[in-house]
Amino acid sequence: MPAHFDAKETRDPAAREKALFAGLRRHLEAVQAKAPTLRGQLKGIAVKGLVDRAALQQVPVLRKPDLAAMQKARPPFGGLNGTKVAGLRHLLVSPGPIFEPEGRGDDWWGAARALFAAGFRKGDIAHNCFSYHLTPGGHIMDSGAQALGCPVIPAGVGNTEQQIEAIVALQPAGYIGTPDFLKILLDKLAEAGAKNPFRQALVSGAAFPASLQQEVAKHGVATYQAYATAEFGVIAYETPARAGLTVNEGLIVEIVRPGTSEAVPEGEVGEVVVTRLNPDYPLLRMGTGDLSRVLPGPSVCGRTNMRLAGWMGRADQRTKVKGMFVDPAQVAEVARRFPELGRLRLVVSRAAEQDAMLLKAETRSRSASLSEAVATALQAATKLKGAVELVAPGSLPNDGKVIVDERPNA
């Protein structure tokens, strides 16, 4: 059984770098005329001079918080798409709302390598628990599984009892989804007295702390992590080496100082910035808002691409909870509905091996009805349930923080 998806994964790093930048120049020459925002990003920069990472720093970083405004100005994709809407496969929606295109190529999101590294092989039935409803998650992983030749159960999220019935009947070899929901399914299978069919799993979209890893391992599931976003698909993935996340082929990944376009020294923590050589959606130096750092040296698994230390927090206060981004603007929306509230602080933590939200709100009132109304508004704004704690005026710090993530990184 081959240890690697293809020969690209083990090529000489210098050869990869040369090929990436040669491909970048060809790619930009071909697509910039079709994407006016990309053309503006390159204003005053000679594409033929983009020969290495130092030269690439001439190009300003675009950041996700700007996408919504860009898309309103140039609907539907902010002038960043290189393929007309009529030529796309799916038109998807992320929270914000931010609209994401999906082209028609095989494994368009680059998930096949991550699934292969996690142990998925041709013919393995994959139980995909990422959402297929509007958002890209289910489609990202489905396309990778299809490229590998894996039949897919498009399970989506929720409907746990029905999912258990399907798992027992269809015996999928692999799970794809958030780590929290994997544990729920494993516990439900055990409660039902049913044998767990999952041999491997690829998880993403939520924290996977050591305590949860141990719980899943008790069920005999070899579980690997992927770092993916709605714009790029799979950026990096865990391998059997269990040493960081290997960057996907076909991407140029940089670590920059948050809020700038300047790369940090290797090993220093900064914002992950990605360039994707994709003609349908040619994103150039797009900041993810995620923090990470580059690990030194190659992986012992034989893959030679850059390795990231994994997710190390957010460069801004935008935070992922149960696979969904929560933005300070959504908390502000709650505040606008209740003028009697003062400062708000959304605290994200872990409870019973799941992400949890607590909104602390300053107010003179201690009304249970106000607390319930604020909780309802929070769910409407974020599409996630959260508890509400009403606190005394002036009790929250005056530090500008609207969202505080107290989850452990490990």
Protein backbone atom coordinates (compact mmCIF):
# COMPACT_ATOMS: atom_id res chain seq x y z
CA MET A 1 0.00 0.00 0.00
CA PRO A 2 1.54 3.37 -1.01
CA ALA A 3 2.52 5.68 1.83
CA HIS A 4 1.92 8.88 -0.15
CA PHE A 5 -0.82 10.22 -2.37
CA ASP A 6 1.61 10.99 -5.22
CA ALA A 7 5.23 11.91 -5.96
CA LYS A 8 4.58 15.64 -5.45
CA GLU A 9 4.47 15.10 -1.70
CA THR A 10 8.06 13.87 -1.51
CA ARG A 11 9.81 16.12 -4.04
CA ASP A 12 12.81 18.27 -3.22
CA PRO A 13 11.62 21.42 -1.35
CA ALA A 14 13.64 23.71 -3.61
CA ALA A 15 12.09 22.12 -6.69
CA ARG A 16 8.62 22.55 -5.20
CA GLU A 17 9.29 26.21 -4.44
CA LYS A 18 10.55 26.87 -7.95
CA ALA A 19 7.53 25.12 -9.47
CA LEU A 20 5.10 27.00 -7.23
CA PHE A 21 6.39 30.43 -8.18
CA ALA A 22 6.67 29.58 -11.87
CA GLY A 23 3.08 28.37 -11.68
CA LEU A 24 2.04 31.51 -9.79
CA ARG A 25 3.39 33.81 -12.50
CA ARG A 26 1.66 31.82 -15.27
CA HIS A 27 -1.53 31.72 -13.24
CA LEU A 28 -1.63 35.45 -12.53
CA GLU A 29 -0.89 36.38 -16.13
CA ALA A 30 -3.83 34.21 -17.21
CA VAL A 31 -6.46 35.24 -14.63
CA GLN A 32 -5.86 38.85 -13.59
CA ALA A 33 -7.77 40.22 -16.56
CA LYS A 34 -10.85 38.27 -15.43
CA ALA A 35 -10.73 39.28 -11.75
CA PRO A 36 -10.75 43.09 -11.26
CA THR A 37 -10.06 42.96 -7.51
CA LEU A 38 -7.05 40.74 -8.10
CA ARG A 39 -5.90 43.17 -10.78
CA GLY A 40 -6.19 46.02 -8.29
CA GLN A 41 -4.24 44.05 -5.69
CA LEU A 42 -1.41 43.73 -8.22
CA LYS A 43 -1.41 47.41 -9.22
CA GLY A 44 2.14 48.62 -9.70
CA ILE A 45 3.60 45.12 -9.26
CA ALA A 46 5.27 43.28 -12.14
CA VAL A 47 3.98 39.70 -12.16
CA LYS A 48 7.17 38.48 -13.81
CA GLY A 49 9.08 39.72 -10.76
CA LEU A 50 7.23 37.43 -8.33
CA VAL A 51 10.01 34.86 -8.24
CA ASP A 52 10.14 34.04 -4.53
CA ARG A 53 8.58 34.72 -1.12
CA ALA A 54 10.53 37.92 -0.59
CA ALA A 55 9.13 39.35 -3.83
CA LEU A 56 5.64 38.16 -2.95
CA GLN A 57 5.63 40.47 0.08
CA GLN A 58 5.17 43.39 -2.32
CA VAL A 59 1.57 42.24 -2.71
CA PRO A 60 -0.78 43.53 0.01
CA VAL A 61 -2.61 40.95 2.09
CA LEU A 62 -6.39 40.76 1.73
CA ARG A 63 -8.29 39.72 4.85
CA LYS A 64 -11.53 37.86 5.29
CA PRO A 65 -13.31 40.64 7.24
CA ASP A 66 -13.00 42.74 4.06
CA LEU A 67 -14.69 40.12 1.87
CA ALA A 68 -18.27 40.98 2.82
CA ALA A 69 -17.74 44.64 1.84
CA MET A 70 -15.93 43.63 -1.34
CA GLN A 71 -18.78 41.31 -2.29
CA LYS A 72 -21.36 44.03 -1.75
CA ALA A 73 -19.37 46.34 -4.00
CA ARG A 74 -18.83 43.69 -6.70
CA PRO A 75 -21.43 40.93 -6.26
CA PRO A 76 -21.40 38.07 -5.87
CA PHE A 77 -17.69 37.25 -5.23
CA GLY A 78 -16.07 40.65 -4.82
CA GLY A 79 -14.40 40.67 -8.23
CA LEU A 80 -12.15 37.80 -7.16
CA ASN A 81 -13.59 34.98 -9.26
CA GLY A 82 -11.82 34.04 -12.46
CA THR A 83 -14.74 31.95 -13.76
CA LYS A 84 -18.16 33.41 -14.51
CA VAL A 85 -20.98 32.35 -12.21
CA ALA A 86 -22.61 30.30 -14.98
CA GLY A 87 -19.52 28.09 -15.15
CA LEU A 88 -19.41 27.15 -11.46
CA ARG A 89 -20.67 23.99 -9.75
CA HIS A 90 -21.95 25.38 -6.44
CA LEU A 91 -22.63 28.84 -5.01
CA LEU A 92 -22.12 28.52 -1.26
CA VAL A 93 -22.68 30.74 1.76
CA SER A 94 -20.55 31.18 4.87
CA PRO A 95 -21.54 33.18 7.97
CA GLY A 96 -21.22 36.90 7.41
CA PRO A 97 -22.74 36.32 4.92
CA ILE A 98 -19.79 35.61 2.64
CA PHE A 99 -20.37 33.84 -0.66
CA GLU A 100 -17.99 31.12 -1.84
CA PRO A 101 -17.73 29.63 -5.33
CA GLU A 102 -16.97 26.00 -6.12
CA GLY A 103 -15.63 25.14 -9.55
CA ARG A 104 -16.19 21.97 -11.55
CA GLY A 105 -12.77 20.30 -11.29
CA ASP A 106 -12.14 17.03 -9.48
CA ASP A 107 -11.13 17.43 -5.82
CA TRP A 108 -11.59 21.17 -6.27
CA TRP A 109 -11.00 21.79 -2.55
CA GLY A 110 -7.86 19.64 -2.24
CA ALA A 111 -9.24 17.28 0.42
CA ALA A 112 -8.10 13.98 -1.13
CA ARG A 113 -4.53 14.22 0.21
CA ALA A 114 -5.77 14.82 3.75
CA LEU A 115 -8.15 11.86 3.56
CA PHE A 116 -5.40 9.65 2.13
CA ALA A 117 -3.02 10.63 4.94
CA ALA A 118 -5.78 9.76 7.43
CA GLY A 119 -6.02 6.23 6.03
CA PHE A 120 -8.96 6.50 3.61
CA ARG A 121 -8.55 4.32 0.52
CA LYS A 122 -10.54 3.55 -2.62
CA GLY A 123 -13.72 1.66 -1.76
CA ASP A 124 -13.85 2.76 1.89
CA ILE A 125 -17.31 4.06 2.76
CA ALA A 126 -17.04 7.57 4.23
CA HIS A 127 -19.63 8.96 6.65
CA ASN A 128 -19.50 12.73 6.03
CA CYS A 129 -20.97 14.74 8.92
CA PHE A 130 -20.10 18.21 7.71
CA SER A 131 -23.06 20.30 6.63
CA TYR A 132 -24.17 20.22 3.01
CA HIS A 133 -26.68 23.02 3.61
CA LEU A 134 -25.41 26.25 2.01
CA THR A 135 -21.97 26.06 3.65
CA PRO A 136 -18.87 24.56 1.96
CA GLY A 137 -17.89 22.01 4.65
CA GLY A 138 -19.75 18.97 3.37
CA HIS A 139 -18.78 19.68 -0.25
CA ILE A 140 -15.10 20.17 0.61
CA MET A 141 -14.76 16.69 2.08
CA ASP A 142 -17.23 15.00 -0.26
CA SER A 143 -15.22 16.05 -3.32
CA GLY A 144 -12.00 14.68 -1.81
CA ALA A 145 -13.62 11.37 -0.93
CA GLN A 146 -15.08 11.07 -4.42
CA ALA A 147 -11.64 11.73 -5.92
CA LEU A 148 -10.25 8.84 -3.85
CA GLY A 149 -13.04 6.55 -4.99
CA CYS A 150 -14.79 6.41 -1.62
CA PRO A 151 -18.59 6.04 -1.56
CA VAL A 152 -19.99 8.81 0.64
CA ILE A 153 -22.90 8.84 3.07
CA PRO A 154 -23.92 12.54 2.97
CA ALA A 155 -24.98 12.53 6.61
CA GLY A 156 -24.63 16.22 7.39
CA VAL A 157 -25.23 17.43 10.93
CA GLY A 158 -27.84 16.43 13.51
CA ASN A 159 -30.47 13.66 13.21
CA THR A 160 -28.29 11.50 15.45
CA GLU A 161 -30.67 8.54 15.75
CA GLN A 162 -31.12 8.34 11.99
CA GLN A 163 -27.36 8.57 11.53
CA ILE A 164 -26.84 5.67 13.93
CA GLU A 165 -29.28 3.57 11.88
CA ALA A 166 -27.35 4.37 8.70
CA ILE A 167 -23.99 3.60 10.33
CA VAL A 168 -25.19 0.23 11.62
CA ALA A 169 -26.69 -0.69 8.25
CA LEU A 170 -24.00 0.65 5.90
CA GLN A 171 -20.87 0.07 8.04
CA PRO A 172 -18.75 3.06 6.95
CA ALA A 173 -15.03 2.58 7.47
CA GLY A 174 -14.31 6.27 7.98
CA TYR A 175 -15.81 9.29 9.69
CA ILE A 176 -15.48 12.88 8.44
CA GLY A 177 -16.70 15.79 10.56
CA THR A 178 -16.10 17.67 13.78
CA PRO A 179 -14.41 15.81 16.64
CA ASP A 180 -17.26 16.62 19.03
CA PHE A 181 -19.84 14.88 16.86
CA LEU A 182 -17.58 11.86 16.37
CA LYS A 183 -17.60 11.29 20.12
CA ILE A 184 -21.39 11.67 20.20
CA LEU A 185 -21.79 9.00 17.51
CA LEU A 186 -19.33 6.65 19.19
CA ASP A 187 -21.14 7.00 22.52
CA LYS A 188 -24.52 6.43 20.87
CA LEU A 189 -23.23 3.30 19.12
CA ALA A 190 -21.97 1.98 22.43
CA GLU A 191 -25.29 2.75 24.15
CA ALA A 192 -27.12 0.86 21.41
CA GLY A 193 -24.82 -2.14 21.82
CA ALA A 194 -23.71 -1.75 18.20
CA LYS A 195 -20.18 -2.40 17.00
CA ASN A 196 -18.25 0.69 15.91
CA PRO A 197 -17.34 0.30 12.20
CA PHE A 198 -15.08 3.37 12.00
CA ARG A 199 -11.39 2.54 11.54
CA GLN A 200 -10.22 6.04 10.67
CA ALA A 201 -11.48 9.60 10.88
CA LEU A 202 -10.60 13.03 9.52
CA VAL A 203 -11.79 15.82 11.80
CA SER A 204 -11.83 19.58 11.40
CA GLY A 205 -13.83 22.66 12.27
CA ALA A 206 -13.46 22.50 16.07
CA ALA A 207 -10.86 22.02 18.78
CA PHE A 208 -9.56 18.48 19.30
CA PRO A 209 -7.91 18.63 22.72
CA ALA A 210 -5.84 15.77 24.14
CA SER A 211 -8.67 14.70 26.45
CA LEU A 212 -11.04 14.22 23.51
CA GLN A 213 -8.32 12.50 21.47
CA GLN A 214 -7.95 9.95 24.27
CA GLU A 215 -11.70 9.37 24.42
CA VAL A 216 -11.89 8.70 20.67
CA ALA A 217 -8.80 6.47 20.73
CA LYS A 218 -10.50 4.21 23.28
CA HIS A 219 -12.94 3.28 20.54
CA GLY A 220 -10.12 2.18 18.22
CA VAL A 221 -10.49 5.02 15.70
CA ALA A 222 -7.27 6.40 14.14
CA THR A 223 -8.19 10.09 13.98
CA TYR A 224 -6.34 12.81 12.08
CA GLN A 225 -6.88 16.55 11.87
CA ALA A 226 -7.24 18.84 8.87
CA TYR A 227 -6.98 22.62 8.75
CA ALA A 228 -9.52 23.87 6.22
CA THR A 229 -11.33 27.11 5.41
CA ALA A 230 -14.30 28.02 3.24
CA GLU A 231 -12.10 29.97 0.82
CA PHE A 232 -9.27 27.50 0.29
CA GLY A 233 -10.54 24.05 1.24
CA VAL A 234 -7.84 22.00 2.95
CA ILE A 235 -4.78 24.13 3.73
CA ALA A 236 -2.84 21.57 5.79
CA TYR A 237 -3.38 18.12 7.25
CA GLU A 238 -2.03 15.72 9.84
CA THR A 239 -0.01 12.70 8.72
CA PRO A 240 0.98 9.43 10.42
CA ALA A 241 4.07 11.25 11.73
CA ARG A 242 1.77 13.07 14.18
CA ALA A 243 4.08 16.08 14.06
CA GLY A 244 2.26 19.23 12.98
CA LEU A 245 0.16 19.71 9.86
CA THR A 246 1.68 19.33 6.39
CA VAL A 247 0.78 22.11 3.95
CA ASN A 248 -1.26 20.97 0.96
CA GLU A 249 0.31 20.89 -2.50
CA GLY A 250 -0.56 23.76 -4.83
CA LEU A 251 -0.68 26.38 -2.08
CA ILE A 252 1.81 29.05 -1.07
CA VAL A 253 1.45 29.46 2.70
CA GLU A 254 3.12 32.31 4.59
CA ILE A 255 3.14 33.37 8.22
CA VAL A 256 2.86 37.15 8.53
CA ARG A 257 2.80 39.61 11.37
CA PRO A 258 -0.89 40.15 12.24
CA GLY A 259 -2.33 43.24 10.61
CA THR A 260 0.57 43.58 8.16
CA SER A 261 1.79 42.04 4.89
CA GLU A 262 5.24 41.30 6.33
CA ALA A 263 6.40 37.71 6.84
CA VAL A 264 7.71 36.82 10.31
CA PRO A 265 10.96 34.89 10.88
CA GLU A 266 10.55 31.12 10.66
CA GLY A 267 9.24 29.68 13.89
CA GLU A 268 7.59 32.91 15.05
CA VAL A 269 3.83 32.88 15.55
CA GLY A 270 1.85 34.97 13.08
CA GLU A 271 -1.18 35.00 10.82
CA VAL A 272 -1.56 32.27 8.20
CA VAL A 273 -1.75 33.82 4.71
CA VAL A 274 -2.55 31.65 1.70
CA THR A 275 -2.17 31.97 -2.05
CA ARG A 276 -4.07 29.37 -4.07
CA LEU A 277 -3.28 28.64 -7.69
CA ASN A 278 -6.91 28.11 -8.72
CA PRO A 279 -8.28 29.68 -11.93
CA ASP A 280 -11.90 29.70 -10.69
CA TYR A 281 -11.13 31.59 -7.47
CA PRO A 282 -7.58 32.98 -7.72
CA LEU A 283 -7.02 34.18 -4.17
CA LEU A 284 -3.68 35.94 -3.75
CA ARG A 285 -2.25 36.47 -0.25
CA MET A 286 -5.54 36.08 1.57
CA GLY A 287 -5.23 36.28 5.36
CA THR A 288 -7.10 33.57 7.23
CA GLY A 289 -7.10 35.33 10.60
CA ASP A 290 -5.65 32.16 12.13
CA LEU A 291 -2.38 32.09 14.08
CA SER A 292 0.27 29.41 13.63
CA ARG A 293 4.00 28.96 13.10
CA VAL A 294 6.26 26.93 10.83
CA LEU A 295 7.88 23.83 12.31
CA PRO A 296 11.55 23.24 11.43
CA GLY A 297 12.70 20.45 9.15
CA PRO A 298 10.85 17.84 7.09
CA SER A 299 8.35 15.33 8.41
CA VAL A 300 9.53 11.82 9.26
CA CYS A 301 6.62 10.49 7.16
CA GLY A 302 8.59 11.46 4.03
CA ARG A 303 6.42 14.42 2.99
CA THR A 304 8.69 17.38 2.37
CA ASN A 305 6.32 20.33 2.32
CA MET A 306 6.20 23.03 5.00
CA ARG A 307 4.64 22.00 8.30
CA LEU A 308 2.47 24.17 10.53
CA ALA A 309 2.24 23.80 14.28
CA GLY A 310 -1.55 23.78 14.00
CA TRP A 311 -4.15 26.30 15.04
CA MET A 312 -2.80 28.62 17.75
CA GLY A 313 -5.59 31.16 18.07
CA ARG A 314 -7.00 34.06 16.09
CA ALA A 315 -5.20 37.11 14.81
CA ASP A 316 -8.46 38.95 15.31
CA GLN A 317 -11.35 38.22 17.66
CA ARG A 318 -13.32 36.25 15.11
CA THR A 319 -13.60 32.76 16.63
CA LYS A 320 -14.68 29.35 15.37
CA VAL A 321 -17.23 27.60 17.60
CA LYS A 322 -18.54 24.14 16.69
CA GLY A 323 -17.28 24.67 13.17
CA MET A 324 -18.99 28.08 12.74
CA PHE A 325 -17.27 31.46 12.89
CA VAL A 326 -18.56 33.92 15.49
CA ASP A 327 -17.70 37.54 14.78
CA PRO A 328 -17.67 40.61 17.07
CA ALA A 329 -20.20 42.16 14.68
CA GLN A 330 -22.68 39.45 15.67
CA VAL A 331 -22.23 40.30 19.34
CA ALA A 332 -22.75 43.97 18.45
CA GLU A 333 -26.01 42.97 16.74
CA VAL A 334 -27.23 41.55 20.07
CA ALA A 335 -26.25 44.79 21.83
CA ARG A 336 -28.23 46.89 19.36
CA ARG A 337 -31.38 44.96 20.20
CA PHE A 338 -31.08 45.70 23.93
CA PRO A 339 -30.17 49.33 24.72
CA GLU A 340 -30.31 48.54 28.45
CA LEU A 341 -27.13 46.45 28.11
CA GLY A 342 -23.66 47.87 28.64
CA ARG A 343 -20.47 46.04 27.70
CA LEU A 344 -20.78 42.52 26.30
CA ARG A 345 -18.19 39.78 26.39
CA LEU A 346 -18.64 36.39 24.71
CA VAL A 347 -16.57 33.73 26.48
CA VAL A 348 -15.89 30.55 24.50
CA SER A 349 -14.87 27.50 26.51
CA ARG A 350 -15.13 23.70 26.61
CA ALA A 351 -17.80 21.81 28.59
CA ALA A 352 -18.40 18.05 28.45
CA GLU A 353 -15.95 17.82 25.51
CA GLN A 354 -17.93 20.32 23.45
CA ASP A 355 -17.52 24.00 22.61
CA ALA A 356 -19.65 26.25 24.82
CA MET A 357 -20.54 29.97 24.72
CA LEU A 358 -21.35 32.28 27.62
CA LEU A 359 -22.38 35.86 26.91
CA LYS A 360 -21.67 38.16 29.86
CA ALA A 361 -23.76 41.32 29.65
CA GLU A 362 -23.56 44.38 31.87
CA THR A 363 -26.96 45.61 33.05
CA ARG A 364 -28.72 46.84 36.17
CA SER A 365 -31.49 44.36 35.52
CA ARG A 366 -31.49 40.81 36.85
CA SER A 367 -34.65 39.87 34.98
CA ALA A 368 -34.93 36.24 33.89
CA SER A 369 -37.01 37.34 30.93
CA LEU A 370 -34.23 39.69 29.79
CA SER A 371 -31.69 36.87 30.09
CA GLU A 372 -33.89 34.59 27.99
CA ALA A 373 -34.47 37.28 25.38
CA VAL A 374 -30.74 37.98 25.09
CA ALA A 375 -30.05 34.23 24.71
CA THR A 376 -32.62 34.05 21.91
CA ALA A 377 -31.02 37.03 20.18
CA LEU A 378 -27.57 35.47 20.55
CA GLN A 379 -28.74 32.27 18.86
CA ALA A 380 -30.42 34.25 16.08
CA ALA A 381 -27.24 36.26 15.44
CA THR A 382 -24.71 33.41 15.62
CA LYS A 383 -26.86 30.33 14.75
CA LEU A 384 -25.43 28.76 17.92
CA LYS A 385 -26.89 28.31 21.40
CA GLY A 386 -25.19 30.06 24.30
CA ALA A 387 -25.82 30.82 27.95
CA VAL A 388 -26.25 34.38 29.21
CA GLU A 389 -24.98 35.86 32.48
CA LEU A 390 -26.18 39.31 33.50
CA VAL A 391 -23.47 41.14 35.44
CA ALA A 392 -23.19 44.49 37.22
CA PRO A 393 -22.34 47.62 35.21
CA GLY A 394 -18.59 48.26 35.15
CA SER A 395 -17.67 44.68 36.06
CA LEU A 396 -16.31 43.70 32.63
CA PRO A 397 -12.79 44.89 31.69
CA ASN A 398 -12.50 47.97 29.51
CA ASP A 399 -10.00 46.32 27.16
CA GLY A 400 -11.88 46.29 23.87
CA LYS A 401 -12.27 42.50 23.86
CA VAL A 402 -15.68 41.32 22.70
CA ILE A 403 -14.85 37.63 22.25
CA VAL A 404 -12.52 35.74 24.58
CA ASP A 405 -11.48 32.17 23.71
CA GLU A 406 -10.62 30.24 26.85
CA ARG A 407 -10.33 26.82 25.19
CA PRO A 408 -7.01 24.97 25.54
CA ASN A 409 -5.01 24.80 22.30
CA ALA A 410 -3.93 21.19 22.89
